[in-house]
Amino acid sequence: MVGRLEVVVDRIFAEAEDGDRVCDICAGIGCDDGLVREDESRYGLVLDRLFAVADERVYGRRRNRKWAGEMAEAAFLHKAMELGLVVSKPWGENSRYDFVVDTGERLLRVQVKSTSCLCGGRYAVAAHGSDPKTGYSAEDIDFLVAHVPPEEAWYVIPVEAFAPHLHLWLYPRGEHAGQYEKYREAWELLGAGVRT
């Protein structure tokens, strides 16, 4: 059994080294440093792949973008509820936003994104929907909330701070004073801590 596991592990890393796990943003801008990681160790990649295989065998599906989006939305909902925010989910999947947050004074449209793509010491976040050439605008959303699971970091970014950019670079490790670092854990922009 151990020999078989070693073969699986070697195969997983061979695929990763061949660029199989390069994130879409990094691939789109020609960066070859952007391996998608659960963490910095080889074991995170192994566990991710093994669980993906298990999901496929048990549930008949693979982890994909849809799954990652659902996980990010679930994490956002948990965090927002923990902070006492009033959150609603639009019915269906035709909205450019994932959630509506009620501040008590207004309704804010929130698009949730997640990234594990570490590229050159920074994390890449797509600031667009299914069309990679059309970024979010103030007509679509009020905030983009980005989750960086490997760093347990959240960014609450007003659309005016990044539109019309299609990609955002986040530096949750503190190695660089990126332009979006002031929005890290800025839940007060969505009304957290404001209600009495």
Foldseek 3Di string as FASTA:
>chain_A
DVVVLVVLLVVLVVCVVVVVQADPVCVVVVFSQWGQFLEDDSVRSVVLVVVQVVCCVPVVDGDDPVNQQVVQVVVVVVVCVVLVWDKDADPDDPALAGIWTCLVVDIFGEHEWEGRTQTPQWTKTFQPDPPLVFGDAPVRGQWYWYAYNSLRKIFTGGRVQQPPDGMDIGRSVPPDPGPRPVRIVVCVVSNRPPDD
